Amino acid sequence: MDFGKAIEALKQMKKVARKGWNGKGMFVYYVPANSYPTVTEVAKKEFGEVAHYNPYFAIKTVSGTISTWVPSVGDCLAEDWEVVA
């Protein structure tokens, strides 16, 4: 599927990946706006006890960690996106 359909799937809280990523366990998912308790002194000084954040895309990386994700031009133009289980 194309990236537009992948975004629709993400907004439905589904995980998506490029076919070229298969076997590596990588996928992208949508994180809706929310808040979390602040932990660091810097965050507490700036935001108080709770920090609010905007929605974003996250990616599970090959190493099993999670990072924020911004698609490349190649990702946006690709038509090999798929919903993963």
PDB file of N, CA and C in Angstrom:
ATOM      1  N   MET A   1       0.840  -1.176   0.000  1.00  0.00           N
ATOM      2  CA  MET A   1       0.000   0.000   0.000  1.00  0.00           C
ATOM      3  C   MET A   1       0.885   1.240   0.000  1.00  0.00           C
ATOM      4  N   ASP A   2       0.310   2.369  -0.375  1.00  0.00           N
ATOM      5  CA  ASP A   2       1.089   3.605  -0.391  1.00  0.00           C
ATOM      6  C   ASP A   2       1.110   4.224   1.013  1.00  0.00           C
ATOM      7  N   PHE A   3       1.876   5.297   1.162  1.00  0.00           N
ATOM      8  CA  PHE A   3       2.070   5.898   2.477  1.00  0.00           C
ATOM      9  C   PHE A   3       0.786   6.523   3.014  1.00  0.00           C
ATOM     10  N   GLY A   4      -0.054   7.059   2.127  1.00  0.00           N
ATOM     11  CA  GLY A   4      -1.327   7.623   2.576  1.00  0.00           C
ATOM     12  C   GLY A   4      -2.177   6.580   3.277  1.00  0.00           C
ATOM     13  N   LYS A   5      -2.233   5.397   2.713  1.00  0.00           N
ATOM     14  CA  LYS A   5      -2.991   4.310   3.340  1.00  0.00           C
ATOM     15  C   LYS A   5      -2.300   3.840   4.619  1.00  0.00           C
ATOM     16  N   ALA A   6      -0.981   3.897   4.625  1.00  0.00           N
ATOM     17  CA  ALA A   6      -0.244   3.533   5.841  1.00  0.00           C
ATOM     18  C   ALA A   6      -0.585   4.501   6.973  1.00  0.00           C
ATOM     19  N   ILE A   7      -0.693   5.788   6.659  1.00  0.00           N
ATOM     20  CA  ILE A   7      -1.060   6.772   7.685  1.00  0.00           C
ATOM     21  C   ILE A   7      -2.473   6.496   8.197  1.00  0.00           C
ATOM     22  N   GLU A   8      -3.388   6.170   7.292  1.00  0.00           N
ATOM     23  CA  GLU A   8      -4.747   5.816   7.723  1.00  0.00           C
ATOM     24  C   GLU A   8      -4.705   4.634   8.695  1.00  0.00           C
ATOM     25  N   ALA A   9      -3.903   3.630   8.374  1.00  0.00           N
ATOM     26  CA  ALA A   9      -3.770   2.461   9.256  1.00  0.00           C
ATOM     27  C   ALA A   9      -3.166   2.863  10.599  1.00  0.00           C
ATOM     28  N   LEU A  10      -2.161   3.732  10.573  1.00  0.00           N
ATOM     29  CA  LEU A  10      -1.542   4.192  11.813  1.00  0.00           C
ATOM     30  C   LEU A  10      -2.565   4.888  12.704  1.00  0.00           C
ATOM     31  N   LYS A  11      -3.402   5.726  12.117  1.00  0.00           N
ATOM     32  CA  LYS A  11      -4.422   6.434  12.893  1.00  0.00           C
ATOM     33  C   LYS A  11      -5.475   5.484  13.453  1.00  0.00           C
ATOM     34  N   GLN A  12      -5.580   4.294  12.885  1.00  0.00           N
ATOM     35  CA  GLN A  12      -6.471   3.256  13.416  1.00  0.00           C
ATOM     36  C   GLN A  12      -5.735   2.385  14.437  1.00  0.00           C
ATOM     37  N   MET A  13      -4.566   2.860  14.857  1.00  0.00           N
ATOM     38  CA  MET A  13      -3.749   2.207  15.882  1.00  0.00           C
ATOM     39  C   MET A  13      -3.176   0.873  15.425  1.00  0.00           C
ATOM     40  N   LYS A  14      -2.921   0.754  14.126  1.00  0.00           N
ATOM     41  CA  LYS A  14      -2.274  -0.441  13.595  1.00  0.00           C
ATOM     42  C   LYS A  14      -0.783  -0.178  13.427  1.00  0.00           C
ATOM     43  N   LYS A  15       0.001  -1.242  13.421  1.00  0.00           N
ATOM     44  CA  LYS A  15       1.441  -1.150  13.173  1.00  0.00           C
ATOM     45  C   LYS A  15       1.675  -1.319  11.679  1.00  0.00           C
ATOM     46  N   VAL A  16       2.607  -0.545  11.136  1.00  0.00           N
ATOM     47  CA  VAL A  16       2.944  -0.676   9.719  1.00  0.00           C
ATOM     48  C   VAL A  16       4.454  -0.787   9.556  1.00  0.00           C
ATOM     49  N   ALA A  17       4.856  -1.363   8.429  1.00  0.00           N
ATOM     50  CA  ALA A  17       6.282  -1.515   8.118  1.00  0.00           C
ATOM     51  C   ALA A  17       6.448  -1.542   6.611  1.00  0.00           C
ATOM     52  N   ARG A  18       7.647  -1.240   6.159  1.00  0.00           N
ATOM     53  CA  ARG A  18       7.996  -1.415   4.758  1.00  0.00           C
ATOM     54  C   ARG A  18       8.338  -2.884   4.540  1.00  0.00           C
ATOM     55  N   LYS A  19       8.006  -3.415   3.382  1.00  0.00           N
ATOM     56  CA  LYS A  19       8.310  -4.825   3.099  1.00  0.00           C
ATOM     57  C   LYS A  19       9.798  -5.108   3.240  1.00  0.00           C
ATOM     58  N   GLY A  20      10.641  -4.147   2.909  1.00  0.00           N
ATOM     59  CA  GLY A  20      12.084  -4.312   3.029  1.00  0.00           C
ATOM     60  C   GLY A  20      12.564  -4.435   4.461  1.00  0.00           C
ATOM     61  N   TRP A  21      11.723  -4.077   5.416  1.00  0.00           N
ATOM     62  CA  TRP A  21      12.089  -4.177   6.826  1.00  0.00           C
ATOM     63  C   TRP A  21      11.781  -5.554   7.392  1.00  0.00           C
ATOM     64  N   ASN A  22      11.000  -6.374   6.716  1.00  0.00           N
ATOM     65  CA  ASN A  22      10.576  -7.676   7.245  1.00  0.00           C
ATOM     66  C   ASN A  22      11.767  -8.503   7.701  1.00  0.00           C
ATOM     67  N   GLY A  23      11.563  -9.235   8.763  1.00  0.00           N
ATOM     68  CA  GLY A  23      12.611 -10.075   9.312  1.00  0.00           C
ATOM     69  C   GLY A  23      13.487  -9.348  10.308  1.00  0.00           C
ATOM     70  N   LYS A  24      13.355  -8.043  10.372  1.00  0.00           N
ATOM     71  CA  LYS A  24      14.153  -7.264  11.309  1.00  0.00           C
ATOM     72  C   LYS A  24      13.336  -6.868  12.536  1.00  0.00           C
ATOM     73  N   GLY A  25      12.026  -7.116  12.485  1.00  0.00           N
ATOM     74  CA  GLY A  25      11.162  -6.796  13.614  1.00  0.00           C
ATOM     75  C   GLY A  25      10.842  -5.323  13.762  1.00  0.00           C
ATOM     76  N   MET A  26      11.178  -4.533  12.748  1.00  0.00           N
ATOM     77  CA  MET A  26      10.920  -3.097  12.819  1.00  0.00           C
ATOM     78  C   MET A  26       9.482  -2.798  12.410  1.00  0.00           C
ATOM     79  N   PHE A  27       8.879  -1.811  13.074  1.00  0.00           N
ATOM     80  CA  PHE A  27       7.568  -1.321  12.665  1.00  0.00           C
ATOM     81  C   PHE A  27       7.374   0.086  13.210  1.00  0.00           C
ATOM     82  N   VAL A  28       6.433   0.788  12.602  1.00  0.00           N
ATOM     83  CA  VAL A  28       6.082   2.149  13.007  1.00  0.00           C
ATOM     84  C   VAL A  28       4.694   2.100  13.627  1.00  0.00           C
ATOM     85  N   TYR A  29       4.470   2.934  14.631  1.00  0.00           N
ATOM     86  CA  TYR A  29       3.135   3.058  15.204  1.00  0.00           C
ATOM     87  C   TYR A  29       2.890   4.497  15.620  1.00  0.00           C
ATOM     88  N   TYR A  30       1.615   4.821  15.781  1.00  0.00           N
ATOM     89  CA  TYR A  30       1.169   6.172  16.114  1.00  0.00           C
ATOM     90  C   TYR A  30       1.003   6.290  17.620  1.00  0.00           C
ATOM     91  N   VAL A  31       1.526   7.363  18.179  1.00  0.00           N
ATOM     92  CA  VAL A  31       1.370   7.638  19.605  1.00  0.00           C
ATOM     93  C   VAL A  31       0.495   8.886  19.733  1.00  0.00           C
ATOM     94  N   PRO A  32      -0.722   8.751  20.250  1.00  0.00           N
ATOM     95  CA  PRO A  32      -1.602   9.916  20.356  1.00  0.00           C
ATOM     96  C   PRO A  32      -1.134  10.884  21.444  1.00  0.00           C
ATOM     97  N   ALA A  33      -1.643  12.106  21.380  1.00  0.00           N
ATOM     98  CA  ALA A  33      -1.318  13.112  22.391  1.00  0.00           C
ATOM     99  C   ALA A  33      -1.693  12.579  23.769  1.00  0.00           C
ATOM    100  N   ASN A  34      -0.875  12.930  24.754  1.00  0.00           N
ATOM    101  CA  ASN A  34      -1.110  12.453  26.109  1.00  0.00           C
ATOM    102  C   ASN A  34      -0.222  13.249  27.049  1.00  0.00           C
ATOM    103  N   SER A  35      -0.001  12.735  28.223  1.00  0.00           N
ATOM    104  CA  SER A  35       0.901  13.369  29.186  1.00  0.00           C
ATOM    105  C   SER A  35       1.561  12.282  30.021  1.00  0.00           C
ATOM    106  N   TYR A  36       2.627  12.666  30.679  1.00  0.00           N
ATOM    107  CA  TYR A  36       3.316  11.727  31.557  1.00  0.00           C
ATOM    108  C   TYR A  36       3.915  12.495  32.727  1.00  0.00           C
ATOM    109  N   PRO A  37       4.111  11.830  33.854  1.00  0.00           N
ATOM    110  CA  PRO A  37       4.741  12.489  34.994  1.00  0.00           C
ATOM    111  C   PRO A  37       6.191  12.838  34.654  1.00  0.00           C
ATOM    112  N   THR A  38       6.608  14.025  35.025  1.00  0.00           N
ATOM    113  CA  THR A  38       7.993  14.415  34.773  1.00  0.00           C
ATOM    114  C   THR A  38       8.917  13.658  35.715  1.00  0.00           C
ATOM    115  N   VAL A  39      10.122  13.379  35.226  1.00  0.00           N
ATOM    116  CA  VAL A  39      11.083  12.606  36.002  1.00  0.00           C
ATOM    117  C   VAL A  39      12.324  13.436  36.308  1.00  0.00           C
ATOM    118  N   THR A  40      12.842  14.129  35.303  1.00  0.00           N
ATOM    119  CA  THR A  40      14.082  14.881  35.495  1.00  0.00           C
ATOM    120  C   THR A  40      13.808  16.248  36.114  1.00  0.00           C
ATOM    121  N   GLU A  41      14.813  16.796  36.746  1.00  0.00           N
ATOM    122  CA  GLU A  41      14.683  18.127  37.337  1.00  0.00           C
ATOM    123  C   GLU A  41      14.444  19.188  36.264  1.00  0.00           C
ATOM    124  N   VAL A  42      15.082  19.021  35.114  1.00  0.00           N
ATOM    125  CA  VAL A  42      14.882  19.969  34.009  1.00  0.00           C
ATOM    126  C   VAL A  42      13.409  19.988  33.609  1.00  0.00           C
ATOM    127  N   ALA A  43      12.824  18.814  33.415  1.00  0.00           N
ATOM    128  CA  ALA A  43      11.414  18.733  33.016  1.00  0.00           C
ATOM    129  C   ALA A  43      10.502  19.274  34.113  1.00  0.00           C
ATOM    130  N   LYS A  44      10.791  18.949  35.354  1.00  0.00           N
ATOM    131  CA  LYS A  44       9.965  19.436  36.459  1.00  0.00           C
ATOM    132  C   LYS A  44       9.999  20.957  36.536  1.00  0.00           C
ATOM    133  N   LYS A  45      11.178  21.537  36.318  1.00  0.00           N
ATOM    134  CA  LYS A  45      11.308  22.991  36.364  1.00  0.00           C
ATOM    135  C   LYS A  45      10.524  23.639  35.223  1.00  0.00           C
ATOM    136  N   GLU A  46      10.559  23.035  34.060  1.00  0.00           N
ATOM    137  CA  GLU A  46       9.912  23.604  32.873  1.00  0.00           C
ATOM    138  C   GLU A  46       8.404  23.347  32.838  1.00  0.00           C
ATOM    139  N   PHE A  47       7.974  22.130  33.223  1.00  0.00           N
ATOM    140  CA  PHE A  47       6.582  21.726  33.033  1.00  0.00           C
ATOM    141  C   PHE A  47       5.814  21.447  34.317  1.00  0.00           C
ATOM    142  N   GLY A  48       6.497  21.408  35.448  1.00  0.00           N
ATOM    143  CA  GLY A  48       5.820  21.025  36.680  1.00  0.00           C
ATOM    144  C   GLY A  48       5.814  19.509  36.822  1.00  0.00           C
ATOM    145  N   GLU A  49       4.773  18.984  37.400  1.00  0.00           N
ATOM    146  CA  GLU A  49       4.707  17.545  37.671  1.00  0.00           C
ATOM    147  C   GLU A  49       4.275  16.712  36.468  1.00  0.00           C
ATOM    148  N   VAL A  50       3.667  17.357  35.449  1.00  0.00           N
ATOM    149  CA  VAL A  50       3.152  16.625  34.289  1.00  0.00           C
ATOM    150  C   VAL A  50       3.574  17.328  33.008  1.00  0.00           C
ATOM    151  N   ALA A  51       4.094  16.563  32.056  1.00  0.00           N
ATOM    152  CA  ALA A  51       4.458  17.093  30.734  1.00  0.00           C
ATOM    153  C   ALA A  51       3.444  16.578  29.716  1.00  0.00           C
ATOM    154  N   HIS A  52       2.900  17.491  28.924  1.00  0.00           N
ATOM    155  CA  HIS A  52       1.953  17.124  27.866  1.00  0.00           C
ATOM    156  C   HIS A  52       2.719  17.036  26.559  1.00  0.00           C
ATOM    157  N   TYR A  53       2.388  16.052  25.730  1.00  0.00           N
ATOM    158  CA  TYR A  53       3.065  15.925  24.444  1.00  0.00           C
ATOM    159  C   TYR A  53       2.063  15.779  23.313  1.00  0.00           C
ATOM    160  N   ASN A  54       2.507  16.175  22.125  1.00  0.00           N
ATOM    161  CA  ASN A  54       1.706  16.088  20.907  1.00  0.00           C
ATOM    162  C   ASN A  54       1.805  14.685  20.323  1.00  0.00           C
ATOM    163  N   PRO A  55       0.868  14.329  19.433  1.00  0.00           N
ATOM    164  CA  PRO A  55       0.969  13.018  18.787  1.00  0.00           C
ATOM    165  C   PRO A  55       2.233  12.918  17.937  1.00  0.00           C
ATOM    166  N   TYR A  56       2.731  11.707  17.787  1.00  0.00           N
ATOM    167  CA  TYR A  56       3.929  11.488  16.970  1.00  0.00           C
ATOM    168  C   TYR A  56       3.974  10.041  16.494  1.00  0.00           C
ATOM    169  N   PHE A  57       4.886   9.773  15.561  1.00  0.00           N
ATOM    170  CA  PHE A  57       5.134   8.409  15.111  1.00  0.00           C
ATOM    171  C   PHE A  57       6.342   7.875  15.863  1.00  0.00           C
ATOM    172  N   ALA A  58       6.274   6.614  16.235  1.00  0.00           N
ATOM    173  CA  ALA A  58       7.397   5.945  16.888  1.00  0.00           C
ATOM    174  C   ALA A  58       7.769   4.719  16.069  1.00  0.00           C
ATOM    175  N   ILE A  59       9.026   4.307  16.187  1.00  0.00           N
ATOM    176  CA  ILE A  59       9.500   3.123  15.474  1.00  0.00           C
ATOM    177  C   ILE A  59      10.174   2.179  16.461  1.00  0.00           C
ATOM    178  N   LYS A  60       9.861   0.902  16.337  1.00  0.00           N
ATOM    179  CA  LYS A  60      10.599  -0.126  17.074  1.00  0.00           C
ATOM    180  C   LYS A  60      11.796  -0.471  16.203  1.00  0.00           C
ATOM    181  N   THR A  61      12.971  -0.297  16.737  1.00  0.00           N
ATOM    182  CA  THR A  61      14.203  -0.476  15.977  1.00  0.00           C
ATOM    183  C   THR A  61      14.676  -1.927  16.003  1.00  0.00           C
ATOM    184  N   VAL A  62      15.678  -2.213  15.200  1.00  0.00           N
ATOM    185  CA  VAL A  62      16.264  -3.557  15.141  1.00  0.00           C
ATOM    186  C   VAL A  62      16.769  -3.990  16.518  1.00  0.00           C
ATOM    187  N   SER A  63      17.288  -3.038  17.292  1.00  0.00           N
ATOM    188  CA  SER A  63      17.847  -3.381  18.605  1.00  0.00           C
ATOM    189  C   SER A  63      16.772  -3.543  19.680  1.00  0.00           C
ATOM    190  N   GLY A  64      15.492  -3.337  19.303  1.00  0.00           N
ATOM    191  CA  GLY A  64      14.414  -3.512  20.267  1.00  0.00           C
ATOM    192  C   GLY A  64      14.080  -2.268  21.062  1.00  0.00           C
ATOM    193  N   THR A  65      14.710  -1.150  20.731  1.00  0.00           N
ATOM    194  CA  THR A  65      14.396   0.104  21.400  1.00  0.00           C
ATOM    195  C   THR A  65      13.357   0.874  20.587  1.00  0.00           C
ATOM    196  N   ILE A  66      12.840   1.932  21.176  1.00  0.00           N
ATOM    197  CA  ILE A  66      11.839   2.755  20.509  1.00  0.00           C
ATOM    198  C   ILE A  66      12.386   4.158  20.350  1.00  0.00           C
ATOM    199  N   SER A  67      12.169   4.726  19.163  1.00  0.00           N
ATOM    200  CA  SER A  67      12.577   6.098  18.864  1.00  0.00           C
ATOM    201  C   SER A  67      11.430   6.815  18.174  1.00  0.00           C
ATOM    202  N   THR A  68      11.446   8.140  18.250  1.00  0.00           N
ATOM    203  CA  THR A  68      10.509   8.888  17.422  1.00  0.00           C
ATOM    204  C   THR A  68      10.915   8.678  15.976  1.00  0.00           C
ATOM    205  N   TRP A  69       9.964   8.813  15.063  1.00  0.00           N
ATOM    206  CA  TRP A  69      10.238   8.515  13.660  1.00  0.00           C
ATOM    207  C   TRP A  69       9.641   9.583  12.765  1.00  0.00           C
ATOM    208  N   VAL A  70      10.431  10.039  11.803  1.00  0.00           N
ATOM    209  CA  VAL A  70       9.992  10.958  10.758  1.00  0.00           C
ATOM    210  C   VAL A  70      10.288  10.281   9.429  1.00  0.00           C
ATOM    211  N   PRO A  71       9.287  10.132   8.555  1.00  0.00           N
ATOM    212  CA  PRO A  71       9.520   9.428   7.294  1.00  0.00           C
ATOM    213  C   PRO A  71      10.441  10.200   6.360  1.00  0.00           C
ATOM    214  N   SER A  72      11.226   9.462   5.602  1.00  0.00           N
ATOM    215  CA  SER A  72      12.059  10.065   4.557  1.00  0.00           C
ATOM    216  C   SER A  72      11.199  10.279   3.317  1.00  0.00           C
ATOM    217  N   VAL A  73      11.729  10.995   2.340  1.00  0.00           N
ATOM    218  CA  VAL A  73      11.023  11.159   1.071  1.00  0.00           C
ATOM    219  C   VAL A  73      10.772   9.790   0.452  1.00  0.00           C
ATOM    220  N   GLY A  74      11.765   8.912   0.518  1.00  0.00           N
ATOM    221  CA  GLY A  74      11.608   7.560  -0.013  1.00  0.00           C
ATOM    222  C   GLY A  74      10.477   6.809   0.664  1.00  0.00           C
ATOM    223  N   ASP A  75      10.357   6.962   1.990  1.00  0.00           N
ATOM    224  CA  ASP A  75       9.260   6.324   2.716  1.00  0.00           C
ATOM    225  C   ASP A  75       7.912   6.872   2.258  1.00  0.00           C
ATOM    226  N   CYS A  76       7.835   8.192   2.068  1.00  0.00           N
ATOM    227  CA  CYS A  76       6.574   8.821   1.654  1.00  0.00           C
ATOM    228  C   CYS A  76       6.148   8.398   0.253  1.00  0.00           C
ATOM    229  N   LEU A  77       7.102   8.149  -0.625  1.00  0.00           N
ATOM    230  CA  LEU A  77       6.791   7.789  -2.006  1.00  0.00           C
ATOM    231  C   LEU A  77       6.669   6.281  -2.222  1.00  0.00           C
ATOM    232  N   ALA A  78       7.079   5.502  -1.241  1.00  0.00           N
ATOM    233  CA  ALA A  78       7.070   4.040  -1.379  1.00  0.00           C
ATOM    234  C   ALA A  78       5.649   3.489  -1.423  1.00  0.00           C
ATOM    235  N   GLU A  79       5.508   2.373  -2.102  1.00  0.00           N
ATOM    236  CA  GLU A  79       4.211   1.698  -2.190  1.00  0.00           C
ATOM    237  C   GLU A  79       4.288   0.273  -1.647  1.00  0.00           C
ATOM    238  N   ASP A  80       5.295   0.040  -0.788  1.00  0.00           N
ATOM    239  CA  ASP A  80       5.461  -1.298  -0.216  1.00  0.00           C
ATOM    240  C   ASP A  80       5.134  -1.349   1.277  1.00  0.00           C
ATOM    241  N   TRP A  81       4.301  -0.431   1.737  1.00  0.00           N
ATOM    242  CA  TRP A  81       3.883  -0.439   3.129  1.00  0.00           C
ATOM    243  C   TRP A  81       2.878  -1.554   3.361  1.00  0.00           C
ATOM    244  N   GLU A  82       2.909  -2.126   4.560  1.00  0.00           N
ATOM    245  CA  GLU A  82       1.943  -3.156   4.916  1.00  0.00           C
ATOM    246  C   GLU A  82       1.634  -3.092   6.403  1.00  0.00           C
ATOM    247  N   VAL A  83       0.438  -3.494   6.755  1.00  0.00           N
ATOM    248  CA  VAL A  83       0.052  -3.614   8.158  1.00  0.00           C
ATOM    249  C   VAL A  83       0.677  -4.892   8.683  1.00  0.00           C
ATOM    250  N   VAL A  84       1.271  -4.818   9.878  1.00  0.00           N
ATOM    251  CA  VAL A  84       1.896  -5.995  10.484  1.00  0.00           C
ATOM    252  C   VAL A  84       1.139  -6.380  11.753  1.00  0.00           C
ATOM    253  N   ALA A  85       1.185  -7.661  12.074  1.00  0.00           N
ATOM    254  CA  ALA A  85       0.465  -8.175  13.254  1.00  0.00           C
ATOM    255  C   ALA A  85       1.190  -7.818  14.528  1.00  0.00           C
TER     256      ALA A  85
END
